[in-house]
Amino acid sequence: MKEPVLFATLSDRLGATFKGLKGKGRLSESDIDATVKEIRTALLEADVALPVVQAFCADVKTRALSAEVTGALNPAQQVIKIVNEELIAILGGETRPLVLAKTGPTVILLTGLQGAGKTTLAGKLAKHLTSQGHTPVLVAADLQRPNAVDQLKVVGERAGVPTFAPEPGNGVGDPVAVARAGKQFAIDKLHDVVIVDTAGRLAIDSNLMTELAGVREAVQPENVLFVVDAMIGQDAVNTALEFERQVGFDAVVLTKLDGDARGGAALSIVSVVGRPIMFGSTGEKIQDFEVFHPDRMASRILDMGDLMSLIEQAERAFDAESAERFSAKVAQGEDFTLDDFLEQMQAVKKMGSIGKLMGMLPGMGDMKAQLDQVDERELDRVAAIIQSMTPTERNDPKILNGSRRSRIAAGSGTKVADVNNLIERFAQAQKMMKQMGKGGMPGMPGMAGMPGMGGGKKSKGKQPKSQKAAKGAKGRSGNPAKRAGVGAVDQDPLSPPDLGSLPPELKKLLQ
């Protein structure tokens, strides 16, 4: 199942550009000119606004020609560092939080074009705020679009929050009165956040823009969020400018961000409009929603990964009590059972799409073909096979003879070969857990051992000569610094952190 990769086109172009710099001990002015030209082409192809491209390239070139590059030990990496910092700058520089009201409920007003995804985003935002301990309420002030009120009710149910909808909509009702009554409802029912969904409108529709200004005046929101489809590119800038002129807003929310392979809207809107990007919608599910971090987004674009977001997702998905119980089990040397295996797989599923998760790891840009082959249904098949076993079989897979495996395959709607493959992978996982219990830390196995990435054992053929050479003669390290008794070479500041910095739950997942 192919997963859309965030800003994939832009990442590929920039990656190809920087590969041409590697291996050069010193960068000439012509090298820098050629690099900046390639960056300019990549940004224009990504549909970034021309003024933003010009300013970005000018800043990169000025810094690249300065002493910070010419005097660097690794000029190529220094150029990448400069591009990374400039990307962070045009994406907003720092994460922007919501403004919370000092007294009474915090009011969030959603505005934007028709079809931008405001109603769905209202539910995602409510779900996000609920996870932070808030008690939001949705207010249905979109009374123009057919069935908009009903849709918001459905979205509210999915998010687990109430919806205030006194009017049926479909052209009936006064949005200003509904918004005002919705704020009062929140005060009476002790909701601390009010999310007002408004009708989508064109900037040229003066009547609707006046109506929106009236809604804003009635509820006095702490946060006015402009919701825009990320896939429309730099056209989002023109629309945002007009909304800012007529109504005004505080921050931008990008929807359909997961399908944006170019990044034109994200890279243009902050610089031109002067308003930060606060949130991003990254999928169709209610939980596919994230805070927009400029530094993390820049890292994704440059294929440096986004481990912090991955860690946060893992912390939300993994049950602390379950993880602690599992860790104690491993530490005590107890057998790793198929029930434990199933529990870990279900925890992975809670984190979201495997393809998206793997895409957050550094250096995954070169593995797009493998990521495209990820089968998200593999986890369901694994669960079906394990759940078709008896408790005794789960605790002791060694008793699974041919007839038992045939029964399990028939019960789970799979083939005997699938059952055999799972048992093989489970045996490998058991060995790994035993090593961890003894204090060892096995290396990362190949992708073949991960559900959804294909299966099978590693080849038992001869070790390639290149690998033998890397080990050095008579077991000596391939690192000259280590052979000489010198400490480890300084780590590249742009390289990803090692696995030791990850939470135990996520570390187990990636091992």
Protein backbone atom coordinates (compact mmCIF):
# COMPACT_ATOMS: atom_id res chain seq x y z
CA MET A 1 0.00 0.00 0.00
CA LYS A 2 1.60 3.25 -1.10
CA GLU A 3 1.74 6.01 1.47
CA PRO A 4 2.11 9.64 0.44
CA VAL A 5 5.42 11.01 1.66
CA LEU A 6 5.39 14.54 3.04
CA PHE A 7 7.18 16.96 0.70
CA ALA A 8 8.68 13.97 -1.17
CA THR A 9 9.38 15.84 -4.43
CA LEU A 10 11.18 18.69 -2.69
CA SER A 11 13.15 16.28 -0.48
CA ASP A 12 14.30 14.28 -3.50
CA ARG A 13 15.50 17.36 -5.36
CA LEU A 14 17.36 18.79 -2.39
CA GLY A 15 18.85 15.39 -1.57
CA ALA A 16 20.20 15.03 -5.11
CA THR A 17 21.64 18.55 -4.88
CA PHE A 18 23.51 17.89 -1.64
CA LYS A 19 24.88 14.56 -2.86
CA GLY A 20 26.86 16.52 -5.44
CA LEU A 21 28.62 18.38 -2.62
CA LYS A 22 29.78 15.33 -0.73
CA GLY A 23 33.41 14.42 -1.09
CA LYS A 24 34.52 17.96 -1.89
CA GLY A 25 37.09 19.19 0.57
CA ARG A 26 36.60 22.81 -0.33
CA LEU A 27 33.74 24.60 -2.06
CA SER A 28 34.49 27.19 -4.70
CA GLU A 29 32.23 30.10 -5.51
CA SER A 30 31.11 28.27 -8.65
CA ASP A 31 30.17 25.21 -6.53
CA ILE A 32 28.05 27.39 -4.27
CA ASP A 33 26.45 29.16 -7.24
CA ALA A 34 25.53 25.83 -8.82
CA THR A 35 24.11 24.56 -5.51
CA VAL A 36 22.02 27.67 -4.94
CA LYS A 37 20.73 27.44 -8.53
CA GLU A 38 19.62 23.84 -7.92
CA ILE A 39 17.93 24.88 -4.66
CA ARG A 40 16.12 27.69 -6.48
CA THR A 41 14.86 25.24 -9.12
CA ALA A 42 13.74 22.78 -6.44
CA LEU A 43 11.77 25.46 -4.58
CA LEU A 44 10.13 26.80 -7.74
CA GLU A 45 9.10 23.28 -8.74
CA ALA A 46 7.64 22.92 -5.24
CA ASP A 47 5.38 25.91 -6.06
CA VAL A 48 6.96 28.18 -3.47
CA ALA A 49 6.15 31.87 -3.99
CA LEU A 50 8.82 33.65 -6.07
CA PRO A 51 9.62 36.41 -3.50
CA VAL A 52 10.20 33.72 -0.87
CA VAL A 53 12.47 31.74 -3.20
CA GLN A 54 14.51 34.82 -4.07
CA ALA A 55 14.99 35.86 -0.44
CA PHE A 56 15.78 32.29 0.66
CA CYS A 57 18.42 31.73 -2.04
CA ALA A 58 19.99 35.13 -1.42
CA ASP A 59 20.37 34.38 2.30
CA VAL A 60 21.79 30.91 1.67
CA LYS A 61 24.30 32.22 -0.87
CA THR A 62 25.45 35.06 1.39
CA ARG A 63 26.03 32.72 4.31
CA ALA A 64 27.61 30.01 2.12
CA LEU A 65 30.20 32.47 0.78
CA SER A 66 31.07 33.66 4.26
CA ALA A 67 33.72 32.42 6.62
CA GLU A 68 31.32 29.98 8.33
CA VAL A 69 31.61 27.71 5.27
CA THR A 70 35.07 28.49 3.89
CA GLY A 71 36.60 27.95 7.31
CA ALA A 72 34.61 24.80 8.15
CA LEU A 73 36.18 21.35 8.40
CA ASN A 74 33.32 19.97 6.28
CA PRO A 75 31.98 22.72 3.99
CA ALA A 76 29.32 20.47 2.42
CA GLN A 77 27.75 19.70 5.80
CA GLN A 78 27.96 23.36 6.71
CA VAL A 79 25.93 24.26 3.61
CA ILE A 80 23.29 21.70 4.60
CA LYS A 81 23.25 23.21 8.09
CA ILE A 82 22.68 26.68 6.59
CA VAL A 83 19.83 25.42 4.38
CA ASN A 84 18.28 23.70 7.41
CA GLU A 85 18.40 26.91 9.48
CA GLU A 86 16.97 29.01 6.64
CA LEU A 87 14.15 26.47 6.10
CA ILE A 88 13.29 26.71 9.80
CA ALA A 89 13.19 30.50 9.46
CA ILE A 90 10.77 30.59 6.50
CA LEU A 91 8.58 27.95 8.19
CA GLY A 92 8.08 30.23 11.17
CA GLY A 93 11.15 29.80 13.33
CA GLU A 94 9.46 28.44 16.44
CA THR A 95 6.37 26.53 17.50
CA ARG A 96 3.37 28.76 18.15
CA PRO A 97 1.00 27.67 20.98
CA LEU A 98 -2.67 28.57 21.34
CA VAL A 99 -3.51 31.68 23.33
CA LEU A 100 -5.59 30.69 26.35
CA ALA A 101 -8.14 33.03 27.92
CA LYS A 102 -7.35 34.35 31.40
CA THR A 103 -11.00 34.15 32.39
CA GLY A 104 -13.87 32.23 30.85
CA PRO A 105 -13.63 29.83 27.94
CA THR A 106 -10.98 30.13 25.24
CA VAL A 107 -12.68 30.79 21.90
CA ILE A 108 -11.15 29.42 18.67
CA LEU A 109 -12.70 30.68 15.42
CA LEU A 110 -12.08 28.60 12.27
CA THR A 111 -12.17 30.42 8.92
CA GLY A 112 -11.20 29.54 5.37
CA LEU A 113 -12.28 28.68 1.86
CA GLN A 114 -14.97 26.22 0.90
CA GLY A 115 -13.62 22.67 0.90
CA ALA A 116 -10.56 23.46 3.02
CA GLY A 117 -11.61 20.90 5.64
CA LYS A 118 -12.66 23.17 8.53
CA THR A 119 -15.42 20.92 9.87
CA THR A 120 -13.23 17.81 10.02
CA LEU A 121 -10.39 19.85 11.47
CA ALA A 122 -12.71 21.15 14.22
CA GLY A 123 -13.13 17.57 15.46
CA LYS A 124 -9.39 16.82 15.21
CA LEU A 125 -8.55 19.97 17.15
CA ALA A 126 -11.13 19.08 19.80
CA LYS A 127 -9.64 15.58 20.11
CA HIS A 128 -6.16 17.09 20.46
CA LEU A 129 -7.29 19.52 23.17
CA THR A 130 -9.13 16.76 25.02
CA SER A 131 -5.90 14.76 25.22
CA GLN A 132 -4.31 17.79 26.89
CA GLY A 133 -6.96 17.89 29.61
CA HIS A 134 -9.30 20.50 28.12
CA THR A 135 -13.08 20.18 27.81
CA PRO A 136 -13.94 21.64 24.39
CA VAL A 137 -17.35 22.12 22.77
CA LEU A 138 -18.03 22.46 19.04
CA VAL A 139 -20.33 25.24 17.83
CA ALA A 140 -22.09 24.74 14.48
CA ALA A 141 -22.05 28.22 12.95
CA ASP A 142 -21.78 26.91 9.37
CA LEU A 143 -25.41 27.29 8.35
CA GLN A 144 -24.83 27.60 4.61
CA ARG A 145 -23.37 24.33 3.35
CA PRO A 146 -25.87 21.44 3.07
CA ASN A 147 -25.64 19.02 6.00
CA ALA A 148 -22.74 20.94 7.56
CA VAL A 149 -24.43 20.88 10.97
CA ASP A 150 -25.00 17.12 10.80
CA GLN A 151 -21.42 16.56 9.70
CA LEU A 152 -20.10 18.53 12.67
CA LYS A 153 -22.26 16.43 15.02
CA VAL A 154 -20.79 13.24 13.57
CA VAL A 155 -17.26 14.62 13.84
CA GLY A 156 -17.96 15.65 17.45
CA GLU A 157 -19.13 12.12 18.30
CA ARG A 158 -15.95 10.66 16.81
CA ALA A 159 -13.87 13.10 18.85
CA GLY A 160 -15.90 12.42 22.00
CA VAL A 161 -16.96 16.05 22.51
CA PRO A 162 -20.43 17.70 22.54
CA THR A 163 -21.75 19.83 19.69
CA PHE A 164 -23.87 22.96 20.18
CA ALA A 165 -26.20 23.12 17.17
CA PRO A 166 -29.50 24.99 17.85
CA GLU A 167 -30.15 25.65 14.14
CA PRO A 168 -30.65 23.02 11.39
CA GLY A 169 -28.52 24.87 8.86
CA ASN A 170 -29.01 24.39 5.12
CA GLY A 171 -29.52 28.14 4.83
CA VAL A 172 -31.63 28.48 8.00
CA GLY A 173 -30.42 30.43 11.05
CA ASP A 174 -28.19 33.33 12.04
CA PRO A 175 -24.50 32.35 12.44
CA VAL A 176 -23.77 35.39 14.61
CA ALA A 177 -26.54 34.51 17.07
CA VAL A 178 -25.48 30.83 17.11
CA ALA A 179 -21.86 31.72 17.84
CA ARG A 180 -22.86 34.08 20.66
CA ALA A 181 -25.21 31.47 22.16
CA GLY A 182 -22.50 28.80 21.81
CA LYS A 183 -20.08 30.80 23.92
CA GLN A 184 -22.75 31.27 26.59
CA PHE A 185 -23.51 27.53 26.47
CA ALA A 186 -19.82 26.82 27.17
CA ILE A 187 -19.89 29.19 30.15
CA ASP A 188 -23.04 27.56 31.56
CA LYS A 189 -21.77 23.97 31.06
CA LEU A 190 -18.21 24.75 32.23
CA HIS A 191 -16.44 24.02 28.95
CA ASP A 192 -13.04 25.71 28.85
CA VAL A 193 -12.64 25.79 25.04
CA VAL A 194 -15.13 26.81 22.34
CA ILE A 195 -14.39 25.82 18.73
CA VAL A 196 -16.59 27.74 16.27
CA ASP A 197 -16.99 26.19 12.83
CA THR A 198 -17.91 28.77 10.18
CA ALA A 199 -19.09 28.48 6.60
CA GLY A 200 -16.50 28.34 3.86
CA ARG A 201 -16.45 31.47 1.80
CA LEU A 202 -14.67 33.18 -1.05
CA ALA A 203 -12.76 36.36 -0.35
CA ILE A 204 -14.74 38.08 -3.12
CA ASP A 205 -18.07 37.36 -1.40
CA SER A 206 -18.49 40.57 0.54
CA ASN A 207 -21.71 39.50 2.28
CA LEU A 208 -20.19 36.36 3.74
CA MET A 209 -17.00 38.19 4.74
CA THR A 210 -19.11 40.77 6.55
CA GLU A 211 -20.98 37.94 8.28
CA LEU A 212 -17.66 36.41 9.38
CA ALA A 213 -16.55 39.74 10.79
CA GLY A 214 -19.83 39.82 12.74
CA VAL A 215 -19.19 36.36 14.19
CA ARG A 216 -15.74 37.46 15.27
CA GLU A 217 -17.14 40.57 16.92
CA ALA A 218 -19.80 38.53 18.74
CA VAL A 219 -17.49 35.92 20.35
CA GLN A 220 -14.23 37.91 20.67
CA PRO A 221 -12.00 34.88 19.97
CA GLU A 222 -8.53 34.49 21.47
CA ASN A 223 -7.47 32.55 18.38
CA VAL A 224 -8.65 33.04 14.79
CA LEU A 225 -7.26 30.18 12.70
CA PHE A 226 -7.18 30.34 8.91
CA VAL A 227 -7.66 26.81 7.56
CA VAL A 228 -6.14 26.21 4.14
CA ASP A 229 -5.62 23.19 1.90
CA ALA A 230 -1.84 22.61 1.73
CA MET A 231 -2.11 21.08 -1.73
CA ILE A 232 -3.13 24.34 -3.47
CA GLY A 233 0.44 25.61 -3.21
CA GLN A 234 1.22 29.30 -3.38
CA ASP A 235 -2.42 30.09 -4.22
CA ALA A 236 -2.92 29.74 -0.49
CA VAL A 237 -0.87 32.90 -0.05
CA ASN A 238 -3.16 35.08 -2.13
CA THR A 239 -6.24 33.77 -0.34
CA ALA A 240 -4.65 34.26 3.07
CA LEU A 241 -3.67 37.84 2.24
CA GLU A 242 -7.26 38.70 1.32
CA PHE A 243 -8.69 37.06 4.46
CA GLU A 244 -6.12 38.87 6.56
CA ARG A 245 -7.09 42.19 4.96
CA GLN A 246 -10.85 41.79 5.42
CA VAL A 247 -11.21 39.80 8.66
CA GLY A 248 -7.76 39.13 10.11
CA PHE A 249 -6.45 35.93 11.68
CA ASP A 250 -3.76 34.88 14.14
CA ALA A 251 -2.35 31.67 12.70
CA VAL A 252 -2.64 29.16 9.86
CA VAL A 253 -3.71 25.51 9.90
CA LEU A 254 -2.68 23.34 6.95
CA THR A 255 -5.02 20.49 6.02
CA LYS A 256 -4.28 17.52 3.72
CA LEU A 257 -0.62 17.94 4.63
CA ASP A 258 -0.01 14.22 4.19
CA GLY A 259 -0.81 14.47 0.46
CA ASP A 260 1.41 17.49 -0.18
CA ALA A 261 4.50 16.24 -2.00
CA ARG A 262 5.75 19.75 -2.84
CA GLY A 263 5.30 22.05 0.16
CA GLY A 264 4.56 25.32 -1.65
CA ALA A 265 1.91 26.51 0.82
CA ALA A 266 3.89 25.67 3.95
CA LEU A 267 7.06 27.33 2.69
CA SER A 268 5.36 30.46 1.35
CA ILE A 269 2.58 31.50 3.66
CA VAL A 270 4.56 32.47 6.79
CA SER A 271 6.99 34.78 4.98
CA VAL A 272 4.38 36.52 2.84
CA VAL A 273 1.45 36.79 5.24
CA GLY A 274 3.45 37.15 8.43
CA ARG A 275 1.35 34.66 10.40
CA PRO A 276 2.70 31.38 11.85
CA ILE A 277 1.55 27.86 11.01
CA MET A 278 0.10 26.37 14.19
CA PHE A 279 -1.28 22.93 13.27
CA GLY A 280 -1.26 20.41 10.46
CA SER A 281 -3.81 17.76 9.47
CA THR A 282 -1.97 14.65 8.28
CA GLY A 283 -4.65 12.11 7.37
CA GLU A 284 -8.30 11.12 7.40
CA LYS A 285 -8.47 9.68 10.92
CA ILE A 286 -9.53 11.84 13.86
CA GLN A 287 -6.09 11.41 15.46
CA ASP A 288 -4.19 12.41 12.29
CA PHE A 289 -3.40 15.85 13.63
CA GLU A 290 -0.19 17.40 14.89
CA VAL A 291 1.31 20.61 16.20
CA PHE A 292 3.41 22.28 13.52
CA HIS A 293 7.08 22.42 14.54
CA PRO A 294 9.20 24.37 12.00
CA ASP A 295 12.46 22.71 13.06
CA ARG A 296 11.02 19.20 12.79
CA MET A 297 9.43 19.96 9.43
CA ALA A 298 12.75 21.27 8.09
CA SER A 299 14.42 18.05 9.25
CA ARG A 300 11.82 15.98 7.37
CA ILE A 301 12.37 17.99 4.21
CA LEU A 302 16.14 17.38 4.40
CA ASP A 303 15.63 13.66 5.18
CA MET A 304 17.13 14.08 8.66
CA GLY A 305 14.11 12.43 10.26
CA ASP A 306 11.73 13.56 12.97
CA LEU A 307 12.54 11.42 15.98
CA MET A 308 10.91 13.78 18.46
CA SER A 309 7.50 13.42 16.80
CA LEU A 310 8.04 9.66 16.60
CA ILE A 311 8.86 9.52 20.32
CA GLU A 312 5.79 11.58 21.19
CA GLN A 313 3.57 9.26 19.16
CA ALA A 314 5.10 6.26 20.90
CA GLU A 315 4.52 7.77 24.32
CA ARG A 316 0.86 8.41 23.49
CA ALA A 317 0.30 4.94 22.05
CA PHE A 318 2.09 2.78 24.60
CA ASP A 319 0.40 2.02 27.88
CA ALA A 320 2.86 2.86 30.68
CA GLU A 321 1.69 0.04 32.94
CA SER A 322 1.84 -2.50 30.15
CA ALA A 323 5.28 -1.30 29.04
CA GLU A 324 6.63 -1.51 32.60
CA ARG A 325 5.23 -5.02 33.01
CA PHE A 326 6.80 -6.06 29.73
CA SER A 327 10.18 -4.55 30.64
CA ALA A 328 10.19 -6.38 33.98
CA LYS A 329 9.37 -9.60 32.19
CA VAL A 330 12.29 -9.19 29.81
CA ALA A 331 14.67 -8.21 32.63
CA GLN A 332 13.74 -11.31 34.64
CA GLY A 333 14.43 -13.56 31.68
CA GLU A 334 10.84 -14.78 31.34
CA ASP A 335 9.74 -16.21 28.02
CA PHE A 336 8.48 -13.79 25.41
CA THR A 337 5.12 -15.24 24.33
CA LEU A 338 2.90 -14.75 21.32
CA ASP A 339 0.50 -12.80 23.53
CA ASP A 340 3.34 -10.35 24.23
CA PHE A 341 4.13 -10.27 20.52
CA LEU A 342 0.49 -9.44 19.74
CA GLU A 343 0.43 -6.72 22.39
CA GLN A 344 3.51 -5.07 20.86
CA MET A 345 2.04 -5.23 17.36
CA GLN A 346 -1.22 -3.65 18.55
CA ALA A 347 0.77 -0.87 20.21
CA VAL A 348 2.52 -0.21 16.89
CA LYS A 349 -0.85 -0.07 15.15
CA LYS A 350 -2.05 2.57 17.62
CA MET A 351 0.86 4.77 16.61
CA GLY A 352 -0.46 5.04 13.06
CA SER A 353 0.64 4.03 9.61
CA ILE A 354 3.87 2.00 9.50
CA GLY A 355 4.93 3.81 6.33
CA LYS A 356 4.54 7.20 8.00
CA LEU A 357 6.36 6.03 11.13
CA MET A 358 9.29 4.69 9.16
CA GLY A 359 9.37 7.91 7.13
CA MET A 360 10.14 9.80 10.38
CA LEU A 361 13.42 7.94 10.77
CA PRO A 362 16.59 9.63 9.46
CA GLY A 363 17.86 8.54 6.07
CA MET A 364 14.62 6.95 4.91
CA GLY A 365 14.63 9.04 1.72
CA ASP A 366 16.69 6.34 0.03
CA MET A 367 14.18 3.66 1.01
CA LYS A 368 11.05 5.10 -0.59
CA ALA A 369 10.63 1.98 -2.74
CA GLN A 370 10.55 -0.23 0.37
CA LEU A 371 8.20 2.15 2.16
CA ASP A 372 5.85 2.08 -0.83
CA GLN A 373 5.60 -1.70 -0.46
CA VAL A 374 4.50 -1.59 3.16
CA ASP A 375 1.27 -3.54 3.59
CA GLU A 376 -0.69 -1.99 6.46
CA ARG A 377 -2.97 -5.03 6.59
CA GLU A 378 -0.11 -7.28 7.68
CA LEU A 379 -0.65 -6.38 11.33
CA ASP A 380 -4.28 -7.45 11.06
CA ARG A 381 -3.23 -10.78 9.54
CA VAL A 382 -0.70 -11.33 12.32
CA ALA A 383 -3.36 -10.59 14.94
CA ALA A 384 -5.82 -12.97 13.25
CA ILE A 385 -3.27 -15.81 13.24
CA ILE A 386 -2.35 -15.39 16.91
CA GLN A 387 -5.99 -15.05 17.98
CA SER A 388 -6.80 -18.31 16.20
CA MET A 389 -4.43 -20.15 18.56
CA THR A 390 -5.35 -21.64 21.90
CA PRO A 391 -3.79 -20.11 25.07
CA THR A 392 -1.51 -23.14 25.34
CA GLU A 393 -0.27 -22.70 21.77
CA ARG A 394 0.46 -19.03 22.35
CA ASN A 395 2.56 -19.81 25.41
CA ASP A 396 4.42 -22.67 23.73
CA PRO A 397 4.60 -22.39 19.91
CA LYS A 398 6.86 -25.47 19.80
CA ILE A 399 3.77 -27.69 20.01
CA LEU A 400 2.46 -26.30 16.72
CA ASN A 401 2.65 -29.33 14.45
CA GLY A 402 1.36 -29.54 10.89
CA SER A 403 -2.29 -30.23 11.77
CA ARG A 404 -2.42 -27.41 14.32
CA ARG A 405 -0.92 -24.96 11.81
CA SER A 406 -3.48 -26.01 9.20
CA ARG A 407 -6.28 -25.40 11.69
CA ILE A 408 -4.88 -21.96 12.64
CA ALA A 409 -4.52 -20.99 8.96
CA ALA A 410 -8.11 -22.00 8.25
CA GLY A 411 -9.38 -20.17 11.35
CA SER A 412 -7.56 -16.93 10.48
CA GLY A 413 -8.29 -16.96 6.75
CA THR A 414 -4.60 -17.22 5.88
CA LYS A 415 -2.25 -19.82 4.43
CA VAL A 416 -0.08 -22.30 6.28
CA ALA A 417 2.95 -20.51 4.83
CA ASP A 418 1.80 -17.32 6.58
CA VAL A 419 1.59 -19.17 9.90
CA ASN A 420 5.05 -20.64 9.36
CA ASN A 421 6.46 -17.21 8.51
CA LEU A 422 5.01 -15.73 11.69
CA ILE A 423 6.46 -18.51 13.84
CA GLU A 424 9.89 -17.93 12.27
CA ARG A 425 9.75 -14.19 12.95
CA PHE A 426 8.52 -14.83 16.46
CA ALA A 427 11.44 -17.17 17.15
CA GLN A 428 13.83 -14.39 16.07
CA ALA A 429 12.02 -11.94 18.36
CA GLN A 430 12.32 -14.39 21.25
CA LYS A 431 16.07 -14.65 20.78
CA MET A 432 16.38 -10.88 20.71
CA MET A 433 14.39 -10.51 23.93
CA LYS A 434 16.56 -13.12 25.67
CA GLN A 435 19.69 -11.20 24.65
CA MET A 436 18.16 -7.98 26.00
CA GLY A 437 17.32 -9.74 29.26
CA LYS A 438 20.99 -10.74 29.61
CA GLY A 439 22.10 -7.15 29.14
CA GLY A 440 22.96 -7.42 25.49
CA MET A 441 21.74 -5.01 22.84
CA PRO A 442 21.46 -6.71 19.49
CA GLY A 443 21.88 -4.70 16.35
CA MET A 444 18.95 -3.56 14.28
CA PRO A 445 17.69 -6.46 12.18
CA GLY A 446 16.79 -6.09 8.56
CA MET A 447 13.45 -4.71 7.49
CA ALA A 448 12.45 -8.21 6.51
CA GLY A 449 11.64 -9.03 10.12
CA MET A 450 9.05 -6.28 10.46
CA PRO A 451 5.38 -6.90 9.71
CA GLY A 452 4.39 -5.26 6.50
CA MET A 453 7.95 -5.16 5.10
CA GLY A 454 8.10 -8.76 3.94
CA GLY A 455 9.49 -11.76 5.81
CA GLY A 456 11.97 -14.51 5.57
CA LYS A 457 15.34 -15.43 7.02
CA LYS A 458 18.59 -13.77 6.13
CA SER A 459 20.79 -15.46 3.62
CA LYS A 460 23.29 -17.93 5.04
CA GLY A 461 25.68 -17.38 2.18
CA LYS A 462 29.25 -16.26 2.56
CA GLN A 463 29.95 -12.89 4.04
CA PRO A 464 30.69 -10.28 1.36
CA LYS A 465 34.31 -9.31 1.04
CA SER A 466 33.44 -5.68 1.70
CA GLN A 467 32.09 -6.60 5.12
CA LYS A 468 35.15 -8.66 5.93
CA ALA A 469 37.39 -5.79 4.97
CA ALA A 470 35.39 -3.41 7.11
CA LYS A 471 36.19 -5.50 10.17
CA GLY A 472 39.89 -5.23 9.52
CA ALA A 473 42.58 -7.84 9.78
CA LYS A 474 42.58 -10.21 12.79
CA GLY A 475 39.40 -8.71 14.22
CA ARG A 476 40.79 -5.17 14.41
CA SER A 477 38.32 -2.29 14.24
CA GLY A 478 37.82 -0.65 10.87
CA ASN A 479 38.01 2.71 12.59
CA PRO A 480 41.63 3.96 12.51
CA ALA A 481 40.96 6.18 15.53
CA LYS A 482 39.89 3.21 17.62
CA ARG A 483 42.90 1.12 16.44
CA ALA A 484 45.16 3.90 17.59
CA GLY A 485 43.50 4.02 20.99
CA VAL A 486 41.96 7.41 20.31
CA GLY A 487 38.44 8.24 21.52
CA ALA A 488 35.51 8.12 19.15
CA VAL A 489 35.46 10.63 16.35
CA ASP A 490 33.20 13.61 17.02
CA GLN A 491 29.67 13.00 15.85
CA ASP A 492 28.33 14.99 12.94
CA PRO A 493 26.01 17.65 14.41
CA LEU A 494 23.44 16.85 11.72
CA SER A 495 23.48 13.11 12.29
CA PRO A 496 20.53 11.52 14.13
CA PRO A 497 20.84 10.60 17.82
CA ASP A 498 21.57 6.99 18.64
CA LEU A 499 18.92 4.62 19.89
CA GLY A 500 20.08 5.06 23.47
CA SER A 501 18.22 8.38 23.60
CA LEU A 502 14.87 6.82 22.77
CA PRO A 503 12.24 5.64 25.27
CA PRO A 504 12.49 1.92 26.10
CA GLU A 505 9.20 1.14 24.38
CA LEU A 506 10.22 2.75 21.11
CA LYS A 507 13.72 1.31 21.35
CA LYS A 508 12.24 -2.19 21.51
CA LEU A 509 10.11 -1.37 18.53
CA LEU A 510 13.08 -0.29 16.40
CA GLN A 511 15.49 -3.01 17.46
